[in-house]
Amino acid sequence: MKRLIIMLLLLPGLSLAPALAAKKDSLQRFFRDVKTYSAHFDQVVLDEGLNLIQESSGNLWIERPGKFRWHYDKPFEQHIVGDGEKVWSYDVELQQVTVRPTTGALGYTPAILMAGRGRLKDNFTVKPLGRQGSLEWTQMMPKKKDGGFEDIRIGFENGRIRVLEMIDSFDQTTRLTLSEAKENKKIDPGKFRFKVPQGVDVVGQ
């Protein structure tokens, strides 16, 4: 699963603070108030020249804290399931499952980031970037440099997360575009359980 300027205002005392608060509130609301989340996603990976090197799509389900299911259906089927203790990655074509402890399993991948919880300022330096088109962008710079990503940018549309961009140490960008999102709707607990299919190799358990 590899893998966005605040404009100067003439009257900052009147207009800057509300604008920044609104952007900050969108980010905090998502990580503080959204307990369950599901959506369709389209994912691309771009090289340092922003050339397309990988394209995929699928659906995701999240239940905080720490539970998620990431189902890639194109171009190759893959299931990534976090049950709160372990992360199971099942490559259907290879008939192989990789399992790791949740802590440190995938660094700041989209799955771990979106299913995360807690105080953002403990792990990130948060900075509003302003509007680009229909999106309000916020930057999250990881304070630790061992998570695999150097820069994370989230685009909000009408206060709801719409685009997630993650730039790694090789300047490759993983961009997720979300649609059909549902917040705080009940999700079948079975989504966050993984049973190893019969005959499939398991690595890392």
N, C-alpha and C. Protein backbone atom coordinates (compact mmCIF):
# COMPACT_ATOMS: atom_id res chain seq x y z
N MET A 1 0.83 -1.19 0.00
CA MET A 1 0.00 0.00 0.00
C MET A 1 0.88 1.26 0.00
N LYS A 2 1.79 1.55 -0.94
CA LYS A 2 2.56 2.78 -1.01
C LYS A 2 1.67 3.92 -1.48
N ARG A 3 2.32 4.36 -1.31
CA ARG A 3 1.42 5.37 -1.57
C ARG A 3 1.10 5.49 -2.92
N LEU A 4 -1.43 21.03 -1.38
CA LEU A 4 -1.66 20.83 -0.99
C LEU A 4 -1.16 21.97 -0.26
N ILE A 5 -1.33 27.87 0.55
CA ILE A 5 -0.59 28.88 1.06
C ILE A 5 -1.72 29.62 1.72
N ILE A 6 -1.57 29.75 2.78
CA ILE A 6 -2.63 30.57 3.33
C ILE A 6 -2.54 31.92 2.66
N MET A 7 -3.65 32.47 2.13
CA MET A 7 -3.65 33.77 1.47
C MET A 7 -3.61 34.88 2.52
N LEU A 8 -2.84 35.95 2.22
CA LEU A 8 -2.78 37.09 3.12
C LEU A 8 -4.07 37.89 3.03
N LEU A 9 -4.61 38.22 4.18
CA LEU A 9 -5.88 38.94 4.22
C LEU A 9 -5.66 40.36 4.72
N LEU A 10 -6.43 41.28 4.19
CA LEU A 10 -6.28 42.69 4.56
C LEU A 10 -6.72 42.95 5.98
N LEU A 11 -7.69 42.15 6.47
CA LEU A 11 -8.21 42.37 7.82
C LEU A 11 -8.10 41.08 8.62
N PRO A 12 -6.89 40.68 9.01
CA PRO A 12 -6.71 39.40 9.69
C PRO A 12 -7.46 39.31 11.00
N GLY A 13 -7.61 40.43 11.69
CA GLY A 13 -8.31 40.36 12.96
C GLY A 13 -9.76 39.97 12.82
N LEU A 14 -10.34 40.21 11.64
CA LEU A 14 -11.75 39.92 11.43
C LEU A 14 -11.98 38.61 10.70
N SER A 15 -11.07 38.26 9.77
CA SER A 15 -11.40 37.14 8.89
C SER A 15 -10.44 35.98 8.95
N LEU A 16 -9.19 36.15 9.38
CA LEU A 16 -8.25 35.06 9.34
C LEU A 16 -8.55 33.99 10.38
N ALA A 17 -8.83 34.39 11.61
CA ALA A 17 -9.05 33.42 12.66
C ALA A 17 -10.23 32.49 12.38
N PRO A 18 -11.40 32.98 11.96
CA PRO A 18 -12.48 32.06 11.64
C PRO A 18 -12.13 31.10 10.52
N ALA A 19 -11.38 31.58 9.51
CA ALA A 19 -11.03 30.71 8.38
C ALA A 19 -10.14 29.58 8.84
N LEU A 20 -9.11 29.91 9.66
CA LEU A 20 -8.21 28.88 10.14
C LEU A 20 -8.94 27.92 11.06
N ALA A 21 -9.83 28.44 11.88
CA ALA A 21 -10.57 27.57 12.79
C ALA A 21 -11.42 26.57 12.03
N ALA A 22 -12.02 27.01 10.93
CA ALA A 22 -12.87 26.11 10.16
C ALA A 22 -12.06 24.97 9.57
N LYS A 23 -10.84 25.28 9.05
CA LYS A 23 -10.01 24.23 8.47
C LYS A 23 -9.55 23.26 9.55
N LYS A 24 -9.13 23.82 10.68
CA LYS A 24 -8.68 22.98 11.78
C LYS A 24 -9.81 22.11 12.30
N ASP A 25 -11.01 22.68 12.38
CA ASP A 25 -12.14 21.92 12.88
C ASP A 25 -12.46 20.73 11.99
N SER A 26 -12.31 20.87 10.67
CA SER A 26 -12.59 19.75 9.76
C SER A 26 -11.68 18.58 10.06
N LEU A 27 -10.41 18.86 10.28
CA LEU A 27 -9.44 17.81 10.58
C LEU A 27 -9.72 17.19 11.94
N GLN A 28 -9.91 18.05 12.95
CA GLN A 28 -10.16 17.54 14.29
C GLN A 28 -11.46 16.76 14.36
N ARG A 29 -12.49 17.26 13.64
CA ARG A 29 -13.77 16.56 13.65
C ARG A 29 -13.63 15.15 13.12
N PHE A 30 -12.86 14.99 12.04
CA PHE A 30 -12.71 13.66 11.45
C PHE A 30 -12.03 12.70 12.42
N PHE A 31 -10.96 13.14 13.05
CA PHE A 31 -10.23 12.24 13.93
C PHE A 31 -10.83 12.13 15.32
N ARG A 32 -11.66 13.11 15.72
CA ARG A 32 -12.24 13.08 17.07
C ARG A 32 -13.65 12.52 17.10
N ASP A 33 -14.48 12.92 16.12
CA ASP A 33 -15.90 12.61 16.19
C ASP A 33 -16.34 11.45 15.32
N VAL A 34 -15.56 11.10 14.32
CA VAL A 34 -15.95 10.02 13.42
C VAL A 34 -15.47 8.69 14.01
N LYS A 35 -16.42 7.88 14.42
CA LYS A 35 -16.09 6.60 15.04
C LYS A 35 -16.01 5.48 14.01
N THR A 36 -16.92 5.52 13.04
CA THR A 36 -16.89 4.55 11.95
C THR A 36 -16.95 5.30 10.63
N TYR A 37 -16.34 4.71 9.62
CA TYR A 37 -16.25 5.37 8.33
C TYR A 37 -16.11 4.32 7.25
N SER A 38 -16.83 4.53 6.14
CA SER A 38 -16.67 3.65 4.99
C SER A 38 -16.75 4.49 3.73
N ALA A 39 -16.09 4.05 2.68
CA ALA A 39 -16.06 4.81 1.44
C ALA A 39 -15.51 3.95 0.31
N HIS A 40 -15.78 4.40 -0.91
CA HIS A 40 -15.08 3.86 -2.09
C HIS A 40 -13.84 4.72 -2.29
N PHE A 41 -12.75 4.12 -2.76
CA PHE A 41 -11.56 4.91 -3.02
C PHE A 41 -10.97 4.57 -4.38
N ASP A 42 -10.38 5.60 -4.99
CA ASP A 42 -9.54 5.44 -6.17
C ASP A 42 -8.15 5.90 -5.78
N GLN A 43 -7.17 5.06 -6.00
CA GLN A 43 -5.81 5.34 -5.53
C GLN A 43 -4.83 5.36 -6.70
N VAL A 44 -3.95 6.36 -6.71
CA VAL A 44 -2.87 6.41 -7.69
C VAL A 44 -1.56 6.62 -6.94
N VAL A 45 -0.50 6.10 -7.52
CA VAL A 45 0.85 6.36 -7.03
C VAL A 45 1.60 7.06 -8.15
N LEU A 46 2.21 8.22 -7.82
CA LEU A 46 2.92 9.04 -8.79
C LEU A 46 4.39 9.11 -8.42
N ASP A 47 5.27 9.12 -9.44
CA ASP A 47 6.69 9.26 -9.16
C ASP A 47 7.04 10.71 -8.88
N GLU A 48 8.34 11.01 -8.70
CA GLU A 48 8.75 12.37 -8.34
C GLU A 48 8.42 13.39 -9.41
N GLY A 49 8.22 12.95 -10.66
CA GLY A 49 7.81 13.83 -11.73
C GLY A 49 6.31 13.85 -11.94
N LEU A 50 5.57 13.27 -10.98
CA LEU A 50 4.11 13.17 -11.01
C LEU A 50 3.61 12.36 -12.20
N ASN A 51 4.40 11.38 -12.61
CA ASN A 51 3.98 10.44 -13.64
C ASN A 51 3.32 9.24 -12.98
N LEU A 52 2.24 8.78 -13.56
CA LEU A 52 1.49 7.66 -12.99
C LEU A 52 2.28 6.36 -13.08
N ILE A 53 2.46 5.70 -11.94
CA ILE A 53 3.14 4.42 -11.95
C ILE A 53 2.27 3.29 -11.41
N GLN A 54 1.17 3.63 -10.76
CA GLN A 54 0.29 2.58 -10.24
C GLN A 54 -1.11 3.15 -10.05
N GLU A 55 -2.11 2.35 -10.32
CA GLU A 55 -3.50 2.77 -10.19
C GLU A 55 -4.31 1.62 -9.63
N SER A 56 -5.18 1.90 -8.67
CA SER A 56 -5.99 0.85 -8.07
C SER A 56 -7.26 1.46 -7.50
N SER A 57 -8.19 0.62 -7.09
CA SER A 57 -9.44 1.10 -6.51
C SER A 57 -10.03 0.02 -5.62
N GLY A 58 -11.00 0.43 -4.80
CA GLY A 58 -11.64 -0.53 -3.91
C GLY A 58 -12.52 0.16 -2.89
N ASN A 59 -12.69 -0.47 -1.76
CA ASN A 59 -13.55 0.04 -0.69
C ASN A 59 -12.83 -0.11 0.65
N LEU A 60 -13.19 0.77 1.59
CA LEU A 60 -12.57 0.72 2.91
C LEU A 60 -13.64 0.87 3.99
N TRP A 61 -13.33 0.28 5.14
CA TRP A 61 -14.17 0.38 6.32
C TRP A 61 -13.25 0.65 7.51
N ILE A 62 -13.66 1.53 8.41
CA ILE A 62 -12.85 1.89 9.58
C ILE A 62 -13.73 1.91 10.81
N GLU A 63 -13.21 1.39 11.89
CA GLU A 63 -13.84 1.53 13.20
C GLU A 63 -12.74 1.88 14.18
N ARG A 64 -12.81 3.09 14.73
CA ARG A 64 -11.77 3.51 15.67
C ARG A 64 -12.04 2.97 17.07
N PRO A 65 -10.95 2.67 17.79
CA PRO A 65 -9.57 2.85 17.38
C PRO A 65 -8.96 1.59 16.79
N GLY A 66 -8.28 1.72 15.67
CA GLY A 66 -7.37 0.70 15.19
C GLY A 66 -7.92 -0.41 14.33
N LYS A 67 -9.23 -0.40 14.06
CA LYS A 67 -9.78 -1.47 13.24
C LYS A 67 -10.09 -0.95 11.83
N PHE A 68 -9.75 -1.73 10.83
CA PHE A 68 -10.00 -1.31 9.46
C PHE A 68 -9.99 -2.50 8.52
N ARG A 69 -10.62 -2.30 7.39
CA ARG A 69 -10.53 -3.26 6.28
C ARG A 69 -10.37 -2.47 5.00
N TRP A 70 -9.33 -2.78 4.26
CA TRP A 70 -8.99 -2.11 3.01
C TRP A 70 -9.06 -3.16 1.92
N HIS A 71 -10.05 -3.06 1.04
CA HIS A 71 -10.27 -4.07 0.02
C HIS A 71 -9.97 -3.50 -1.35
N TYR A 72 -8.85 -3.91 -1.93
CA TYR A 72 -8.52 -3.54 -3.31
C TYR A 72 -9.15 -4.57 -4.24
N ASP A 73 -9.94 -4.06 -5.20
CA ASP A 73 -10.50 -4.99 -6.17
C ASP A 73 -9.90 -4.86 -7.56
N LYS A 74 -9.24 -3.73 -7.85
CA LYS A 74 -8.57 -3.53 -9.12
C LYS A 74 -7.20 -2.90 -8.88
N PRO A 75 -6.15 -3.26 -9.64
CA PRO A 75 -6.15 -4.27 -10.70
C PRO A 75 -6.03 -5.70 -10.17
N PHE A 76 -5.56 -5.84 -8.91
CA PHE A 76 -5.44 -7.16 -8.31
C PHE A 76 -6.12 -7.15 -6.95
N GLU A 77 -6.81 -8.21 -6.64
CA GLU A 77 -7.56 -8.27 -5.39
C GLU A 77 -6.61 -8.45 -4.21
N GLN A 78 -6.82 -7.59 -3.21
CA GLN A 78 -6.03 -7.66 -1.98
C GLN A 78 -6.88 -7.20 -0.82
N HIS A 79 -6.74 -7.86 0.31
CA HIS A 79 -7.45 -7.49 1.53
C HIS A 79 -6.42 -7.14 2.60
N ILE A 80 -6.58 -5.96 3.23
CA ILE A 80 -5.74 -5.58 4.36
C ILE A 80 -6.68 -5.35 5.54
N VAL A 81 -6.54 -6.15 6.56
CA VAL A 81 -7.47 -6.13 7.69
C VAL A 81 -6.71 -5.88 8.98
N GLY A 82 -7.14 -4.86 9.73
CA GLY A 82 -6.60 -4.60 11.06
C GLY A 82 -7.65 -4.93 12.09
N ASP A 83 -7.37 -5.87 12.97
CA ASP A 83 -8.36 -6.27 13.96
C ASP A 83 -8.14 -5.62 15.32
N GLY A 84 -7.20 -4.65 15.38
CA GLY A 84 -6.89 -3.98 16.63
C GLY A 84 -5.63 -4.51 17.27
N GLU A 85 -5.25 -5.72 16.91
CA GLU A 85 -4.03 -6.32 17.44
C GLU A 85 -3.03 -6.68 16.35
N LYS A 86 -3.56 -7.22 15.25
CA LYS A 86 -2.71 -7.61 14.14
C LYS A 86 -3.23 -7.02 12.84
N VAL A 87 -2.33 -6.92 11.86
CA VAL A 87 -2.69 -6.49 10.51
C VAL A 87 -2.44 -7.66 9.57
N TRP A 88 -3.52 -8.05 8.87
CA TRP A 88 -3.46 -9.17 7.94
C TRP A 88 -3.52 -8.63 6.52
N SER A 89 -2.57 -9.00 5.70
CA SER A 89 -2.54 -8.58 4.30
C SER A 89 -2.60 -9.82 3.42
N TYR A 90 -3.71 -9.94 2.69
CA TYR A 90 -3.97 -11.14 1.90
C TYR A 90 -3.94 -10.80 0.42
N ASP A 91 -2.95 -11.32 -0.27
CA ASP A 91 -2.84 -11.17 -1.72
C ASP A 91 -3.49 -12.38 -2.36
N VAL A 92 -4.65 -12.15 -2.98
CA VAL A 92 -5.43 -13.26 -3.50
C VAL A 92 -4.70 -13.98 -4.63
N GLU A 93 -4.09 -13.22 -5.54
CA GLU A 93 -3.41 -13.82 -6.68
C GLU A 93 -2.21 -14.67 -6.23
N LEU A 94 -1.46 -14.17 -5.27
CA LEU A 94 -0.29 -14.91 -4.79
C LEU A 94 -0.66 -16.01 -3.81
N GLN A 95 -1.91 -15.98 -3.33
CA GLN A 95 -2.35 -16.95 -2.32
C GLN A 95 -1.42 -16.91 -1.11
N GLN A 96 -1.21 -15.70 -0.61
CA GLN A 96 -0.31 -15.51 0.53
C GLN A 96 -0.85 -14.47 1.49
N VAL A 97 -0.73 -14.74 2.76
CA VAL A 97 -1.13 -13.82 3.82
C VAL A 97 0.10 -13.43 4.62
N THR A 98 0.27 -12.12 4.82
CA THR A 98 1.32 -11.60 5.69
C THR A 98 0.66 -11.02 6.93
N VAL A 99 1.14 -11.38 8.11
CA VAL A 99 0.54 -10.89 9.35
C VAL A 99 1.63 -10.26 10.20
N ARG A 100 1.29 -9.08 10.80
CA ARG A 100 2.22 -8.34 11.65
C ARG A 100 1.45 -7.73 12.82
N PRO A 101 2.13 -7.40 13.89
CA PRO A 101 1.47 -6.66 14.97
C PRO A 101 1.02 -5.31 14.45
N THR A 102 -0.11 -4.79 14.97
CA THR A 102 -0.61 -3.49 14.53
C THR A 102 0.41 -2.39 14.77
N THR A 103 1.06 -2.40 15.94
CA THR A 103 2.03 -1.36 16.26
C THR A 103 3.21 -1.42 15.30
N GLY A 104 3.35 -0.36 14.49
CA GLY A 104 4.46 -0.28 13.57
C GLY A 104 4.33 -1.14 12.34
N ALA A 105 3.16 -1.77 12.14
CA ALA A 105 3.03 -2.71 11.03
C ALA A 105 3.17 -2.06 9.69
N LEU A 106 2.53 -0.91 9.50
CA LEU A 106 2.52 -0.29 8.19
C LEU A 106 2.94 1.18 8.22
N GLY A 107 3.48 1.64 9.34
CA GLY A 107 3.86 3.05 9.42
C GLY A 107 2.66 3.95 9.21
N TYR A 108 2.87 5.11 8.54
CA TYR A 108 1.79 6.04 8.27
C TYR A 108 1.19 5.75 6.90
N THR A 109 0.75 4.54 6.67
CA THR A 109 0.02 4.24 5.45
C THR A 109 -1.39 4.80 5.58
N PRO A 110 -2.13 4.92 4.48
CA PRO A 110 -3.50 5.43 4.59
C PRO A 110 -4.35 4.67 5.59
N ALA A 111 -4.21 3.35 5.62
CA ALA A 111 -5.02 2.54 6.52
C ALA A 111 -4.76 2.90 7.97
N ILE A 112 -3.49 2.89 8.38
CA ILE A 112 -3.13 3.18 9.76
C ILE A 112 -3.49 4.62 10.13
N LEU A 113 -3.22 5.55 9.22
CA LEU A 113 -3.50 6.97 9.49
C LEU A 113 -4.99 7.21 9.72
N MET A 114 -5.81 6.71 8.81
CA MET A 114 -7.24 7.00 8.89
C MET A 114 -7.92 6.27 10.04
N ALA A 115 -7.39 5.13 10.43
CA ALA A 115 -7.97 4.39 11.55
C ALA A 115 -7.42 4.86 12.88
N GLY A 116 -6.45 5.77 12.83
CA GLY A 116 -5.81 6.24 14.05
C GLY A 116 -6.71 7.14 14.87
N ARG A 117 -6.25 7.41 16.08
CA ARG A 117 -7.02 8.22 17.01
C ARG A 117 -6.05 8.93 17.93
N GLY A 118 -6.55 9.80 18.76
CA GLY A 118 -5.70 10.47 19.73
C GLY A 118 -5.41 11.89 19.33
N ARG A 119 -4.47 12.50 20.02
CA ARG A 119 -4.15 13.90 19.84
C ARG A 119 -3.19 14.05 18.67
N LEU A 120 -3.67 14.69 17.61
CA LEU A 120 -2.87 14.83 16.40
C LEU A 120 -1.56 15.56 16.66
N LYS A 121 -1.60 16.57 17.53
CA LYS A 121 -0.41 17.39 17.74
C LYS A 121 0.74 16.61 18.37
N ASP A 122 0.43 15.45 18.96
CA ASP A 122 1.50 14.62 19.53
C ASP A 122 2.34 13.97 18.43
N ASN A 123 1.72 13.74 17.27
CA ASN A 123 2.40 13.02 16.21
C ASN A 123 2.65 13.84 14.95
N PHE A 124 1.95 14.98 14.81
CA PHE A 124 2.03 15.76 13.58
C PHE A 124 2.13 17.25 13.87
N THR A 125 2.79 17.97 12.96
CA THR A 125 2.72 19.42 12.91
C THR A 125 1.67 19.76 11.88
N VAL A 126 0.58 20.41 12.29
CA VAL A 126 -0.57 20.65 11.42
C VAL A 126 -0.54 22.09 10.91
N LYS A 127 -0.74 22.25 9.60
CA LYS A 127 -0.68 23.57 8.98
C LYS A 127 -1.73 23.68 7.90
N PRO A 128 -2.61 24.69 7.94
CA PRO A 128 -3.59 24.90 6.86
C PRO A 128 -2.89 25.44 5.63
N LEU A 129 -3.30 24.95 4.46
CA LEU A 129 -2.68 25.36 3.20
C LEU A 129 -3.59 26.20 2.34
N GLY A 130 -4.84 26.38 2.71
CA GLY A 130 -5.75 27.21 1.93
C GLY A 130 -6.55 26.40 0.92
N ARG A 131 -7.29 27.15 0.12
CA ARG A 131 -8.20 26.53 -0.83
C ARG A 131 -7.55 26.34 -2.19
N GLN A 132 -7.84 25.20 -2.79
CA GLN A 132 -7.45 24.93 -4.17
C GLN A 132 -8.67 24.30 -4.84
N GLY A 133 -9.29 25.05 -5.74
CA GLY A 133 -10.53 24.57 -6.34
C GLY A 133 -11.62 24.47 -5.28
N SER A 134 -12.25 23.33 -5.21
CA SER A 134 -13.33 23.12 -4.25
C SER A 134 -12.85 22.58 -2.92
N LEU A 135 -11.53 22.36 -2.77
CA LEU A 135 -11.01 21.72 -1.58
C LEU A 135 -10.24 22.70 -0.69
N GLU A 136 -10.40 22.52 0.62
CA GLU A 136 -9.58 23.19 1.61
C GLU A 136 -8.54 22.18 2.09
N TRP A 137 -7.26 22.56 1.96
CA TRP A 137 -6.19 21.63 2.25
C TRP A 137 -5.54 21.88 3.61
N THR A 138 -5.19 20.80 4.29
CA THR A 138 -4.45 20.85 5.53
C THR A 138 -3.25 19.92 5.42
N GLN A 139 -2.10 20.40 5.90
CA GLN A 139 -0.87 19.61 5.86
C GLN A 139 -0.59 19.01 7.23
N MET A 140 -0.18 17.76 7.24
CA MET A 140 0.21 17.08 8.47
C MET A 140 1.63 16.56 8.28
N MET A 141 2.59 17.17 8.97
CA MET A 141 3.98 16.74 8.87
C MET A 141 4.30 15.82 10.04
N PRO A 142 4.62 14.54 9.77
CA PRO A 142 4.94 13.64 10.88
C PRO A 142 6.15 14.12 11.67
N LYS A 143 6.05 14.10 12.99
CA LYS A 143 7.16 14.50 13.83
C LYS A 143 8.25 13.44 13.87
N LYS A 144 7.84 12.19 13.68
CA LYS A 144 8.81 11.10 13.59
C LYS A 144 9.06 10.82 12.12
N LYS A 145 10.31 10.60 11.78
CA LYS A 145 10.69 10.38 10.38
C LYS A 145 10.84 8.92 10.02
N ASP A 146 10.32 8.04 10.87
CA ASP A 146 10.46 6.61 10.60
C ASP A 146 9.16 5.97 10.17
N GLY A 147 8.15 6.79 9.80
CA GLY A 147 6.86 6.24 9.43
C GLY A 147 6.70 5.97 7.96
N GLY A 148 7.71 6.34 7.16
CA GLY A 148 7.65 6.05 5.73
C GLY A 148 7.18 7.20 4.87
N PHE A 149 6.52 8.23 5.48
CA PHE A 149 6.02 9.36 4.72
C PHE A 149 6.55 10.67 5.29
N GLU A 150 6.96 11.59 4.40
CA GLU A 150 7.53 12.87 4.79
C GLU A 150 6.47 13.97 4.90
N ASP A 151 5.39 13.83 4.14
CA ASP A 151 4.39 14.90 4.04
C ASP A 151 3.03 14.27 3.78
N ILE A 152 2.03 14.69 4.56
CA ILE A 152 0.67 14.18 4.39
C ILE A 152 -0.25 15.38 4.22
N ARG A 153 -1.09 15.36 3.20
CA ARG A 153 -2.00 16.47 2.92
C ARG A 153 -3.41 15.94 2.74
N ILE A 154 -4.35 16.59 3.42
CA ILE A 154 -5.75 16.15 3.37
C ILE A 154 -6.61 17.27 2.80
N GLY A 155 -7.40 16.96 1.77
CA GLY A 155 -8.30 17.91 1.17
C GLY A 155 -9.73 17.68 1.62
N PHE A 156 -10.37 18.75 2.14
CA PHE A 156 -11.74 18.65 2.65
C PHE A 156 -12.69 19.39 1.72
N GLU A 157 -13.83 18.79 1.48
CA GLU A 157 -14.89 19.40 0.68
C GLU A 157 -16.13 19.49 1.55
N ASN A 158 -16.58 20.73 1.82
CA ASN A 158 -17.72 20.94 2.71
C ASN A 158 -17.50 20.28 4.07
N GLY A 159 -16.26 20.34 4.55
CA GLY A 159 -15.95 19.81 5.87
C GLY A 159 -15.71 18.32 5.92
N ARG A 160 -15.85 17.63 4.80
CA ARG A 160 -15.68 16.18 4.77
C ARG A 160 -14.43 15.81 3.98
N ILE A 161 -13.72 14.82 4.47
CA ILE A 161 -12.49 14.42 3.80
C ILE A 161 -12.80 13.88 2.40
N ARG A 162 -12.02 14.37 1.44
CA ARG A 162 -12.25 14.01 0.05
C ARG A 162 -11.01 13.42 -0.62
N VAL A 163 -9.84 14.00 -0.31
CA VAL A 163 -8.58 13.55 -0.92
C VAL A 163 -7.52 13.42 0.17
N LEU A 164 -6.73 12.37 0.06
CA LEU A 164 -5.61 12.16 0.96
C LEU A 164 -4.36 11.95 0.11
N GLU A 165 -3.33 12.77 0.36
CA GLU A 165 -2.07 12.63 -0.36
C GLU A 165 -0.94 12.37 0.64
N MET A 166 -0.11 11.41 0.30
CA MET A 166 1.01 11.06 1.17
C MET A 166 2.27 10.98 0.33
N ILE A 167 3.30 11.75 0.71
CA ILE A 167 4.54 11.81 -0.05
C ILE A 167 5.64 11.11 0.75
N ASP A 168 6.30 10.13 0.12
CA ASP A 168 7.30 9.36 0.86
C ASP A 168 8.70 9.92 0.65
N SER A 169 9.68 9.26 1.22
CA SER A 169 11.06 9.74 1.18
C SER A 169 11.67 9.68 -0.21
N PHE A 170 11.03 8.98 -1.13
CA PHE A 170 11.50 8.92 -2.52
C PHE A 170 10.75 9.92 -3.41
N ASP A 171 9.97 10.82 -2.78
CA ASP A 171 9.17 11.81 -3.48
C ASP A 171 8.07 11.19 -4.32
N GLN A 172 7.69 9.98 -4.00
CA GLN A 172 6.53 9.38 -4.64
C GLN A 172 5.28 9.76 -3.87
N THR A 173 4.21 10.02 -4.59
CA THR A 173 2.95 10.47 -3.98
C THR A 173 1.89 9.39 -4.10
N THR A 174 1.30 9.02 -2.99
CA THR A 174 0.13 8.15 -2.98
C THR A 174 -1.09 9.03 -2.77
N ARG A 175 -2.01 9.04 -3.72
CA ARG A 175 -3.19 9.90 -3.65
C ARG A 175 -4.46 9.06 -3.64
N LEU A 176 -5.27 9.27 -2.61
CA LEU A 176 -6.55 8.59 -2.48
C LEU A 176 -7.67 9.60 -2.68
N THR A 177 -8.59 9.29 -3.57
CA THR A 177 -9.79 10.11 -3.76
C THR A 177 -10.97 9.30 -3.26
N LEU A 178 -11.70 9.86 -2.28
CA LEU A 178 -12.77 9.13 -1.62
C LEU A 178 -14.14 9.57 -2.12
N SER A 179 -15.05 8.63 -2.20
CA SER A 179 -16.42 8.92 -2.63
C SER A 179 -17.37 7.97 -1.91
N GLU A 180 -18.67 8.31 -1.98
CA GLU A 180 -19.71 7.48 -1.36
C GLU A 180 -19.43 7.26 0.13
N ALA A 181 -18.91 8.28 0.80
CA ALA A 181 -18.51 8.13 2.20
C ALA A 181 -19.70 8.09 3.14
N LYS A 182 -19.59 7.29 4.17
CA LYS A 182 -20.58 7.20 5.24
C LYS A 182 -19.86 7.30 6.57
N GLU A 183 -20.37 8.18 7.44
CA GLU A 183 -19.76 8.38 8.75
C GLU A 183 -20.69 7.93 9.86
N ASN A 184 -20.10 7.29 10.84
CA ASN A 184 -20.82 6.88 12.06
C ASN A 184 -22.03 6.02 11.78
N LYS A 185 -21.91 5.15 10.78
CA LYS A 185 -22.91 4.15 10.49
C LYS A 185 -22.40 2.79 10.97
N LYS A 186 -23.30 1.98 11.47
CA LYS A 186 -22.90 0.68 12.01
C LYS A 186 -22.26 -0.18 10.92
N ILE A 187 -21.15 -0.79 11.26
CA ILE A 187 -20.43 -1.68 10.35
C ILE A 187 -20.41 -3.07 10.97
N ASP A 188 -20.67 -4.06 10.16
CA ASP A 188 -20.64 -5.45 10.60
C ASP A 188 -19.28 -5.75 11.24
N PRO A 189 -19.24 -6.20 12.49
CA PRO A 189 -17.96 -6.50 13.15
C PRO A 189 -17.11 -7.50 12.38
N GLY A 190 -17.78 -8.34 11.56
CA GLY A 190 -17.05 -9.32 10.78
C GLY A 190 -16.10 -8.71 9.77
N LYS A 191 -16.33 -7.45 9.40
CA LYS A 191 -15.43 -6.77 8.47
C LYS A 191 -14.01 -6.69 9.02
N PHE A 192 -13.89 -6.68 10.35
CA PHE A 192 -12.59 -6.47 10.98
C PHE A 192 -12.01 -7.75 11.55
N ARG A 193 -12.55 -8.87 11.10
CA ARG A 193 -11.97 -10.16 11.45
C ARG A 193 -11.44 -10.82 10.18
N PHE A 194 -10.35 -11.51 10.31
CA PHE A 194 -9.78 -12.18 9.15
C PHE A 194 -9.54 -13.65 9.47
N LYS A 195 -10.04 -14.48 8.57
CA LYS A 195 -9.81 -15.93 8.68
C LYS A 195 -8.96 -16.36 7.51
N VAL A 196 -7.87 -16.98 7.78
CA VAL A 196 -6.96 -17.40 6.71
C VAL A 196 -7.63 -18.47 5.86
N PRO A 197 -7.74 -18.22 4.54
CA PRO A 197 -8.34 -19.22 3.66
C PRO A 197 -7.54 -20.52 3.65
N GLN A 198 -8.24 -21.60 3.47
CA GLN A 198 -7.59 -22.92 3.47
C GLN A 198 -6.58 -23.00 2.32
N GLY A 199 -5.42 -23.51 2.63
CA GLY A 199 -4.40 -23.72 1.62
C GLY A 199 -3.54 -22.52 1.32
N VAL A 200 -3.74 -21.42 2.03
CA VAL A 200 -2.99 -20.19 1.78
C VAL A 200 -1.78 -20.12 2.72
N ASP A 201 -0.63 -19.73 2.18
CA ASP A 201 0.58 -19.60 2.98
C ASP A 201 0.48 -18.38 3.89
N VAL A 202 0.96 -18.50 5.12
CA VAL A 202 0.98 -17.40 6.08
C VAL A 202 2.43 -17.07 6.41
N VAL A 203 2.77 -15.78 6.30
CA VAL A 203 4.13 -15.32 6.56
C VAL A 203 4.12 -14.32 7.71
N GLY A 204 4.96 -14.52 8.70
CA GLY A 204 5.16 -13.53 9.74
C GLY A 204 4.42 -13.78 11.02
N GLN A 205 3.63 -14.80 11.12
CA GLN A 205 2.86 -15.04 12.33
C GLN A 205 3.74 -15.61 13.42
